[in-house]
Amino acid sequence: MTEILFYLSDHKGTRAQFDLVCRLLKRRLKHAETRNLKTYIHVQEQQTAEELDEALWVFEPSAFIPHCLYPHHSTTADILIGCEPPPKQMDCLFNLSTQPVPAYDQFKQLSELVPADEQAVQLARERYRLYRSQQHPLKTFKMNGIYHRHFLSDRH
């Protein structure tokens, strides 16, 4: 059964989601047990996919995060970004859209990245209730203040 993680940012907007994605992926790439997990990042529209692609390229000069846009480029990369239904054979899903991703339950883990916008929070609550009704294991992380820096720091 898919484990579902909600990351609640204390910042508003798409940029808050991008920053969180970059930090979570950087952290994942540092650990051997999660380094090779195939990850699909689902966004609402193609323009957002292209903006996230750019954000991943410039996130940190010393911490490149290898990735490709889907379906326009390689589907063999470990990290794909797209607004299409996710490809099969992926391990993890990051959802930056406001709706549940089709076939989300084919993944081992789903991470919902929620900015502090009131509408985004309300829609995330609806997705939370949907996942809970389907008895998925759920965890929530409030990514703000000291905990945010501690959780995503390079020391972990």
N, C-alpha and C. Protein backbone atom coordinates (compact mmCIF):
# COMPACT_ATOMS: atom_id res chain seq x y z
N MET A 1 0.84 -1.17 0.00
CA MET A 1 0.00 0.00 0.00
C MET A 1 0.89 1.25 0.00
N THR A 2 0.47 2.25 -0.72
CA THR A 2 1.23 3.49 -0.87
C THR A 2 1.29 4.27 0.44
N GLU A 3 2.51 4.61 0.86
CA GLU A 3 2.69 5.49 2.02
C GLU A 3 2.56 6.93 1.51
N ILE A 4 1.78 7.74 2.21
CA ILE A 4 1.54 9.11 1.76
C ILE A 4 2.05 10.10 2.80
N LEU A 5 2.91 11.01 2.32
CA LEU A 5 3.53 12.02 3.17
C LEU A 5 3.05 13.40 2.73
N PHE A 6 2.57 14.19 3.67
CA PHE A 6 2.17 15.56 3.39
C PHE A 6 3.24 16.48 3.96
N TYR A 7 3.82 17.33 3.12
CA TYR A 7 4.79 18.34 3.54
C TYR A 7 4.10 19.69 3.45
N LEU A 8 3.86 20.31 4.59
CA LEU A 8 3.14 21.57 4.65
C LEU A 8 4.15 22.71 4.81
N SER A 9 4.26 23.53 3.78
CA SER A 9 5.20 24.65 3.81
C SER A 9 4.58 25.82 4.55
N ASP A 10 5.44 26.66 5.11
CA ASP A 10 4.94 27.88 5.72
C ASP A 10 5.05 29.06 4.75
N HIS A 11 5.42 28.77 3.50
CA HIS A 11 5.52 29.79 2.46
C HIS A 11 4.46 29.56 1.39
N LYS A 12 4.05 30.64 0.74
CA LYS A 12 3.01 30.56 -0.28
C LYS A 12 3.61 30.42 -1.68
N GLY A 13 2.82 29.82 -2.57
CA GLY A 13 3.14 29.82 -3.99
C GLY A 13 3.96 28.64 -4.48
N THR A 14 4.07 28.64 -5.79
CA THR A 14 4.78 27.57 -6.50
C THR A 14 6.25 27.53 -6.13
N ARG A 15 6.86 28.69 -5.93
CA ARG A 15 8.28 28.73 -5.57
C ARG A 15 8.55 27.99 -4.26
N ALA A 16 7.61 28.07 -3.33
CA ALA A 16 7.76 27.33 -2.06
C ALA A 16 7.79 25.83 -2.34
N GLN A 17 6.93 25.37 -3.25
CA GLN A 17 6.92 23.95 -3.61
C GLN A 17 8.23 23.57 -4.29
N PHE A 18 8.70 24.43 -5.21
CA PHE A 18 9.95 24.14 -5.92
C PHE A 18 11.11 24.00 -4.94
N ASP A 19 11.21 24.93 -4.01
CA ASP A 19 12.29 24.90 -3.03
C ASP A 19 12.23 23.60 -2.22
N LEU A 20 11.03 23.22 -1.82
CA LEU A 20 10.86 22.00 -1.04
C LEU A 20 11.23 20.76 -1.86
N VAL A 21 10.80 20.71 -3.12
CA VAL A 21 11.15 19.58 -3.99
C VAL A 21 12.68 19.48 -4.11
N CYS A 22 13.32 20.59 -4.39
CA CYS A 22 14.78 20.58 -4.56
C CYS A 22 15.47 20.06 -3.30
N ARG A 23 15.04 20.53 -2.15
CA ARG A 23 15.68 20.11 -0.90
C ARG A 23 15.41 18.63 -0.59
N LEU A 24 14.19 18.18 -0.83
CA LEU A 24 13.87 16.77 -0.58
C LEU A 24 14.65 15.86 -1.53
N LEU A 25 14.76 16.25 -2.80
CA LEU A 25 15.51 15.43 -3.75
C LEU A 25 17.00 15.43 -3.43
N LYS A 26 17.53 16.58 -3.06
CA LYS A 26 18.95 16.65 -2.67
C LYS A 26 19.22 15.72 -1.50
N ARG A 27 18.34 15.76 -0.53
CA ARG A 27 18.49 14.89 0.65
C ARG A 27 18.40 13.42 0.26
N ARG A 28 17.46 13.10 -0.60
CA ARG A 28 17.29 11.71 -1.05
C ARG A 28 18.52 11.21 -1.79
N LEU A 29 19.13 12.05 -2.61
CA LEU A 29 20.29 11.65 -3.40
C LEU A 29 21.52 11.40 -2.53
N LYS A 30 21.56 11.94 -1.32
CA LYS A 30 22.70 11.76 -0.43
C LYS A 30 22.69 10.40 0.27
N HIS A 31 21.56 9.73 0.30
CA HIS A 31 21.44 8.49 1.07
C HIS A 31 21.38 7.28 0.12
N ALA A 32 22.23 6.31 0.37
CA ALA A 32 22.34 5.15 -0.51
C ALA A 32 21.02 4.41 -0.68
N GLU A 33 20.24 4.30 0.41
CA GLU A 33 19.01 3.51 0.33
C GLU A 33 17.91 4.20 -0.49
N THR A 34 18.04 5.50 -0.72
CA THR A 34 17.01 6.21 -1.50
C THR A 34 17.57 6.83 -2.78
N ARG A 35 18.85 6.74 -2.99
CA ARG A 35 19.51 7.40 -4.12
C ARG A 35 18.94 6.96 -5.47
N ASN A 36 18.67 5.68 -5.64
CA ASN A 36 18.27 5.17 -6.96
C ASN A 36 16.77 4.96 -7.12
N LEU A 37 15.98 5.52 -6.23
CA LEU A 37 14.54 5.41 -6.38
C LEU A 37 14.08 6.25 -7.56
N LYS A 38 13.27 5.66 -8.41
CA LYS A 38 12.73 6.39 -9.56
C LYS A 38 11.58 7.25 -9.08
N THR A 39 11.65 8.54 -9.41
CA THR A 39 10.70 9.52 -8.88
C THR A 39 10.04 10.28 -10.01
N TYR A 40 8.72 10.41 -9.91
CA TYR A 40 7.96 11.22 -10.86
C TYR A 40 7.41 12.42 -10.11
N ILE A 41 7.65 13.62 -10.64
CA ILE A 41 7.14 14.85 -10.06
C ILE A 41 5.99 15.33 -10.93
N HIS A 42 4.79 15.27 -10.38
CA HIS A 42 3.59 15.63 -11.13
C HIS A 42 3.21 17.08 -10.86
N VAL A 43 3.05 17.85 -11.95
CA VAL A 43 2.66 19.25 -11.85
C VAL A 43 1.37 19.47 -12.64
N GLN A 44 0.74 20.62 -12.44
CA GLN A 44 -0.56 20.92 -13.03
C GLN A 44 -0.48 21.12 -14.55
N GLU A 45 0.57 21.80 -15.02
CA GLU A 45 0.64 22.14 -16.45
C GLU A 45 2.09 22.15 -16.92
N GLN A 46 2.26 22.11 -18.25
CA GLN A 46 3.59 22.02 -18.85
C GLN A 46 4.48 23.20 -18.47
N GLN A 47 3.94 24.39 -18.41
CA GLN A 47 4.75 25.56 -18.05
C GLN A 47 5.36 25.38 -16.66
N THR A 48 4.59 24.83 -15.73
CA THR A 48 5.11 24.59 -14.38
C THR A 48 6.22 23.55 -14.42
N ALA A 49 6.06 22.52 -15.26
CA ALA A 49 7.11 21.51 -15.41
C ALA A 49 8.41 22.15 -15.89
N GLU A 50 8.30 23.05 -16.86
CA GLU A 50 9.48 23.72 -17.40
C GLU A 50 10.12 24.65 -16.36
N GLU A 51 9.30 25.32 -15.55
CA GLU A 51 9.82 26.18 -14.49
C GLU A 51 10.53 25.36 -13.41
N LEU A 52 9.97 24.21 -13.07
CA LEU A 52 10.63 23.34 -12.08
C LEU A 52 11.92 22.78 -12.66
N ASP A 53 11.91 22.42 -13.93
CA ASP A 53 13.12 21.96 -14.61
C ASP A 53 14.23 23.00 -14.44
N GLU A 54 13.90 24.25 -14.68
CA GLU A 54 14.88 25.34 -14.53
C GLU A 54 15.32 25.47 -13.07
N ALA A 55 14.38 25.38 -12.13
CA ALA A 55 14.71 25.50 -10.71
C ALA A 55 15.68 24.40 -10.27
N LEU A 56 15.50 23.19 -10.79
CA LEU A 56 16.40 22.08 -10.45
C LEU A 56 17.79 22.30 -11.02
N TRP A 57 17.87 22.94 -12.18
CA TRP A 57 19.18 23.22 -12.79
C TRP A 57 19.97 24.23 -11.99
N VAL A 58 19.30 25.21 -11.40
CA VAL A 58 20.01 26.30 -10.73
C VAL A 58 19.93 26.24 -9.21
N PHE A 59 19.34 25.19 -8.65
CA PHE A 59 19.11 25.10 -7.21
C PHE A 59 20.39 25.37 -6.42
N GLU A 60 21.40 24.57 -6.63
CA GLU A 60 22.70 24.77 -5.99
C GLU A 60 23.76 24.35 -7.00
N PRO A 61 24.71 25.23 -7.28
CA PRO A 61 25.74 24.89 -8.27
C PRO A 61 26.51 23.61 -7.93
N SER A 62 26.68 23.32 -6.66
CA SER A 62 27.45 22.14 -6.26
C SER A 62 26.58 20.91 -6.02
N ALA A 63 25.28 21.02 -6.28
CA ALA A 63 24.37 19.89 -5.99
C ALA A 63 23.41 19.67 -7.15
N PHE A 64 23.93 19.33 -8.31
CA PHE A 64 23.07 19.08 -9.46
C PHE A 64 22.14 17.90 -9.19
N ILE A 65 20.89 18.06 -9.54
CA ILE A 65 19.89 17.00 -9.38
C ILE A 65 19.50 16.53 -10.77
N PRO A 66 20.00 15.36 -11.20
CA PRO A 66 19.72 14.89 -12.56
C PRO A 66 18.23 14.59 -12.74
N HIS A 67 17.67 15.06 -13.86
CA HIS A 67 16.24 14.91 -14.11
C HIS A 67 15.95 15.16 -15.59
N CYS A 68 14.74 14.82 -16.01
CA CYS A 68 14.29 15.07 -17.38
C CYS A 68 12.81 15.43 -17.37
N LEU A 69 12.40 16.16 -18.40
CA LEU A 69 10.97 16.43 -18.58
C LEU A 69 10.32 15.21 -19.22
N TYR A 70 9.13 14.90 -18.81
CA TYR A 70 8.37 13.75 -19.32
C TYR A 70 7.10 14.27 -19.96
N PRO A 71 6.70 13.79 -21.11
CA PRO A 71 7.25 12.70 -21.91
C PRO A 71 8.19 13.16 -23.01
N HIS A 72 8.61 14.41 -23.00
CA HIS A 72 9.39 14.97 -24.11
C HIS A 72 10.82 14.47 -24.18
N HIS A 73 11.35 13.99 -23.09
CA HIS A 73 12.74 13.53 -23.06
C HIS A 73 12.79 12.10 -22.53
N SER A 74 13.95 11.67 -22.20
CA SER A 74 14.19 10.30 -21.76
C SER A 74 13.25 9.86 -20.64
N THR A 75 12.74 8.67 -20.77
CA THR A 75 11.94 8.09 -19.68
C THR A 75 12.79 7.14 -18.84
N THR A 76 14.10 7.11 -19.09
CA THR A 76 14.97 6.24 -18.30
C THR A 76 15.63 6.98 -17.15
N ALA A 77 15.47 8.28 -17.07
CA ALA A 77 16.05 9.05 -15.96
C ALA A 77 15.39 8.64 -14.65
N ASP A 78 16.12 8.80 -13.56
CA ASP A 78 15.57 8.45 -12.24
C ASP A 78 14.56 9.47 -11.74
N ILE A 79 14.64 10.72 -12.22
CA ILE A 79 13.71 11.76 -11.81
C ILE A 79 13.07 12.36 -13.07
N LEU A 80 11.75 12.25 -13.15
CA LEU A 80 11.01 12.80 -14.29
C LEU A 80 10.02 13.84 -13.79
N ILE A 81 9.79 14.88 -14.60
CA ILE A 81 8.83 15.93 -14.27
C ILE A 81 7.82 16.00 -15.40
N GLY A 82 6.52 16.03 -15.05
CA GLY A 82 5.53 16.15 -16.10
C GLY A 82 4.13 16.43 -15.58
N CYS A 83 3.24 16.72 -16.52
CA CYS A 83 1.84 16.96 -16.17
C CYS A 83 0.94 15.87 -16.75
N GLU A 84 1.54 14.88 -17.36
CA GLU A 84 0.82 13.73 -17.90
C GLU A 84 0.66 12.67 -16.81
N PRO A 85 -0.23 11.72 -17.02
CA PRO A 85 -0.28 10.59 -16.06
C PRO A 85 1.11 9.98 -15.94
N PRO A 86 1.48 9.56 -14.76
CA PRO A 86 2.85 9.08 -14.54
C PRO A 86 3.15 7.78 -15.29
N PRO A 87 4.42 7.62 -15.69
CA PRO A 87 4.81 6.36 -16.32
C PRO A 87 4.83 5.24 -15.30
N LYS A 88 4.75 4.03 -15.78
CA LYS A 88 4.85 2.88 -14.88
C LYS A 88 6.31 2.68 -14.48
N GLN A 89 6.54 1.82 -13.53
CA GLN A 89 7.88 1.46 -13.06
C GLN A 89 8.59 2.59 -12.32
N MET A 90 7.83 3.43 -11.66
CA MET A 90 8.42 4.48 -10.83
C MET A 90 8.16 4.11 -9.37
N ASP A 91 9.03 4.56 -8.48
CA ASP A 91 8.91 4.23 -7.06
C ASP A 91 8.18 5.29 -6.24
N CYS A 92 8.53 6.55 -6.50
CA CYS A 92 8.02 7.65 -5.68
C CYS A 92 7.34 8.70 -6.55
N LEU A 93 6.35 9.33 -5.97
CA LEU A 93 5.59 10.37 -6.66
C LEU A 93 5.57 11.61 -5.79
N PHE A 94 5.92 12.75 -6.38
CA PHE A 94 5.77 14.05 -5.72
C PHE A 94 4.61 14.73 -6.44
N ASN A 95 3.59 15.14 -5.70
CA ASN A 95 2.44 15.80 -6.31
C ASN A 95 2.48 17.29 -5.99
N LEU A 96 2.64 18.11 -7.03
CA LEU A 96 2.59 19.55 -6.88
C LEU A 96 1.30 20.12 -7.46
N SER A 97 0.42 19.26 -7.92
CA SER A 97 -0.86 19.72 -8.47
C SER A 97 -1.90 19.78 -7.36
N THR A 98 -3.06 20.29 -7.69
CA THR A 98 -4.12 20.45 -6.69
C THR A 98 -5.07 19.26 -6.64
N GLN A 99 -4.87 18.29 -7.51
CA GLN A 99 -5.74 17.12 -7.59
C GLN A 99 -4.95 15.85 -7.32
N PRO A 100 -5.63 14.78 -6.93
CA PRO A 100 -4.92 13.49 -6.81
C PRO A 100 -4.39 13.07 -8.19
N VAL A 101 -3.24 12.44 -8.21
CA VAL A 101 -2.63 12.00 -9.45
C VAL A 101 -3.24 10.65 -9.85
N PRO A 102 -3.62 10.50 -11.13
CA PRO A 102 -4.15 9.20 -11.56
C PRO A 102 -3.13 8.08 -11.26
N ALA A 103 -3.62 6.98 -10.79
CA ALA A 103 -2.80 5.79 -10.50
C ALA A 103 -1.74 6.05 -9.44
N TYR A 104 -2.00 6.97 -8.51
CA TYR A 104 -1.03 7.26 -7.45
C TYR A 104 -0.72 6.03 -6.62
N ASP A 105 -1.66 5.09 -6.57
CA ASP A 105 -1.46 3.92 -5.73
C ASP A 105 -0.53 2.87 -6.34
N GLN A 106 0.02 3.15 -7.53
CA GLN A 106 1.03 2.25 -8.11
C GLN A 106 2.42 2.54 -7.52
N PHE A 107 2.56 3.63 -6.77
CA PHE A 107 3.83 4.05 -6.20
C PHE A 107 4.01 3.51 -4.79
N LYS A 108 5.26 3.33 -4.37
CA LYS A 108 5.55 2.95 -2.99
C LYS A 108 5.28 4.12 -2.06
N GLN A 109 5.57 5.34 -2.56
CA GLN A 109 5.42 6.52 -1.71
C GLN A 109 4.93 7.71 -2.53
N LEU A 110 4.01 8.45 -1.95
CA LEU A 110 3.49 9.68 -2.53
C LEU A 110 3.77 10.82 -1.57
N SER A 111 4.42 11.87 -2.06
CA SER A 111 4.67 13.07 -1.26
C SER A 111 3.82 14.21 -1.82
N GLU A 112 2.94 14.72 -0.99
CA GLU A 112 2.10 15.87 -1.34
C GLU A 112 2.80 17.11 -0.80
N LEU A 113 3.15 18.05 -1.68
CA LEU A 113 3.86 19.26 -1.29
C LEU A 113 2.88 20.42 -1.31
N VAL A 114 2.56 20.94 -0.14
CA VAL A 114 1.46 21.89 0.01
C VAL A 114 1.99 23.25 0.44
N PRO A 115 1.82 24.29 -0.42
CA PRO A 115 2.20 25.64 0.01
C PRO A 115 1.17 26.19 0.99
N ALA A 116 1.48 27.32 1.60
CA ALA A 116 0.63 27.88 2.65
C ALA A 116 -0.59 28.63 2.12
N ASP A 117 -0.83 28.63 0.83
CA ASP A 117 -2.00 29.30 0.26
C ASP A 117 -3.28 28.65 0.79
N GLU A 118 -4.26 29.44 1.14
CA GLU A 118 -5.50 28.92 1.73
C GLU A 118 -6.19 27.91 0.82
N GLN A 119 -6.29 28.20 -0.47
CA GLN A 119 -6.95 27.28 -1.39
C GLN A 119 -6.16 25.97 -1.52
N ALA A 120 -4.84 26.07 -1.59
CA ALA A 120 -4.01 24.87 -1.70
C ALA A 120 -4.16 23.99 -0.47
N VAL A 121 -4.23 24.61 0.70
CA VAL A 121 -4.40 23.86 1.95
C VAL A 121 -5.76 23.16 1.97
N GLN A 122 -6.80 23.86 1.54
CA GLN A 122 -8.14 23.26 1.52
C GLN A 122 -8.19 22.06 0.57
N LEU A 123 -7.60 22.19 -0.60
CA LEU A 123 -7.57 21.08 -1.56
C LEU A 123 -6.73 19.92 -1.03
N ALA A 124 -5.65 20.23 -0.32
CA ALA A 124 -4.82 19.18 0.28
C ALA A 124 -5.61 18.42 1.35
N ARG A 125 -6.43 19.13 2.10
CA ARG A 125 -7.28 18.46 3.10
C ARG A 125 -8.24 17.48 2.44
N GLU A 126 -8.76 17.86 1.29
CA GLU A 126 -9.66 16.95 0.56
C GLU A 126 -8.91 15.70 0.11
N ARG A 127 -7.68 15.87 -0.39
CA ARG A 127 -6.88 14.72 -0.80
C ARG A 127 -6.55 13.85 0.42
N TYR A 128 -6.23 14.48 1.54
CA TYR A 128 -5.94 13.75 2.77
C TYR A 128 -7.13 12.87 3.16
N ARG A 129 -8.33 13.45 3.12
CA ARG A 129 -9.52 12.66 3.46
C ARG A 129 -9.72 11.50 2.48
N LEU A 130 -9.45 11.73 1.20
CA LEU A 130 -9.56 10.66 0.21
C LEU A 130 -8.59 9.53 0.54
N TYR A 131 -7.34 9.87 0.77
CA TYR A 131 -6.34 8.84 1.06
C TYR A 131 -6.66 8.11 2.37
N ARG A 132 -7.11 8.86 3.38
CA ARG A 132 -7.46 8.24 4.66
C ARG A 132 -8.63 7.27 4.47
N SER A 133 -9.61 7.64 3.64
CA SER A 133 -10.76 6.76 3.41
C SER A 133 -10.35 5.47 2.72
N GLN A 134 -9.23 5.51 2.01
CA GLN A 134 -8.71 4.32 1.34
C GLN A 134 -7.67 3.60 2.20
N GLN A 135 -7.53 4.05 3.44
CA GLN A 135 -6.69 3.43 4.47
C GLN A 135 -5.20 3.40 4.13
N HIS A 136 -4.74 4.42 3.42
CA HIS A 136 -3.30 4.55 3.18
C HIS A 136 -2.64 5.06 4.46
N PRO A 137 -1.41 4.60 4.75
CA PRO A 137 -0.68 5.17 5.88
C PRO A 137 -0.31 6.62 5.56
N LEU A 138 -0.59 7.53 6.49
CA LEU A 138 -0.39 8.96 6.28
C LEU A 138 0.55 9.54 7.32
N LYS A 139 1.42 10.47 6.88
CA LYS A 139 2.28 11.23 7.79
C LYS A 139 2.26 12.68 7.33
N THR A 140 2.35 13.59 8.28
CA THR A 140 2.36 15.01 7.96
C THR A 140 3.59 15.66 8.59
N PHE A 141 4.26 16.51 7.80
CA PHE A 141 5.43 17.24 8.26
C PHE A 141 5.18 18.72 8.04
N LYS A 142 5.26 19.51 9.09
CA LYS A 142 5.15 20.96 8.97
C LYS A 142 6.55 21.50 8.73
N MET A 143 6.77 22.00 7.56
CA MET A 143 8.10 22.42 7.14
C MET A 143 8.28 23.91 7.37
N ASN A 144 8.45 24.29 8.63
CA ASN A 144 8.63 25.70 8.95
C ASN A 144 9.66 25.87 10.05
N GLY A 145 10.16 27.07 10.18
CA GLY A 145 11.05 27.42 11.27
C GLY A 145 12.24 26.49 11.42
N ILE A 146 12.60 26.20 12.65
CA ILE A 146 13.77 25.38 12.97
C ILE A 146 13.61 23.97 12.45
N TYR A 147 12.41 23.40 12.58
CA TYR A 147 12.21 22.02 12.14
C TYR A 147 12.49 21.91 10.64
N HIS A 148 12.04 22.87 9.86
CA HIS A 148 12.29 22.87 8.42
C HIS A 148 13.79 22.80 8.15
N ARG A 149 14.55 23.67 8.76
CA ARG A 149 15.99 23.68 8.52
C ARG A 149 16.64 22.39 9.03
N HIS A 150 16.19 21.90 10.17
CA HIS A 150 16.75 20.67 10.73
C HIS A 150 16.45 19.48 9.83
N PHE A 151 15.21 19.33 9.42
CA PHE A 151 14.79 18.18 8.65
C PHE A 151 15.52 18.11 7.30
N LEU A 152 15.71 19.26 6.69
CA LEU A 152 16.30 19.29 5.35
C LEU A 152 17.77 19.66 5.33
N SER A 153 18.40 19.71 6.47
CA SER A 153 19.80 20.11 6.51
C SER A 153 20.69 19.02 5.92
N ASP A 154 21.88 19.40 5.59
CA ASP A 154 22.85 18.46 5.00
C ASP A 154 23.36 17.44 6.01
N ARG A 155 23.14 17.67 7.29
CA ARG A 155 23.66 16.77 8.31
C ARG A 155 22.86 15.47 8.40
N HIS A 156 21.70 15.38 7.73
CA HIS A 156 20.85 14.19 7.86
C HIS A 156 20.84 13.39 6.60
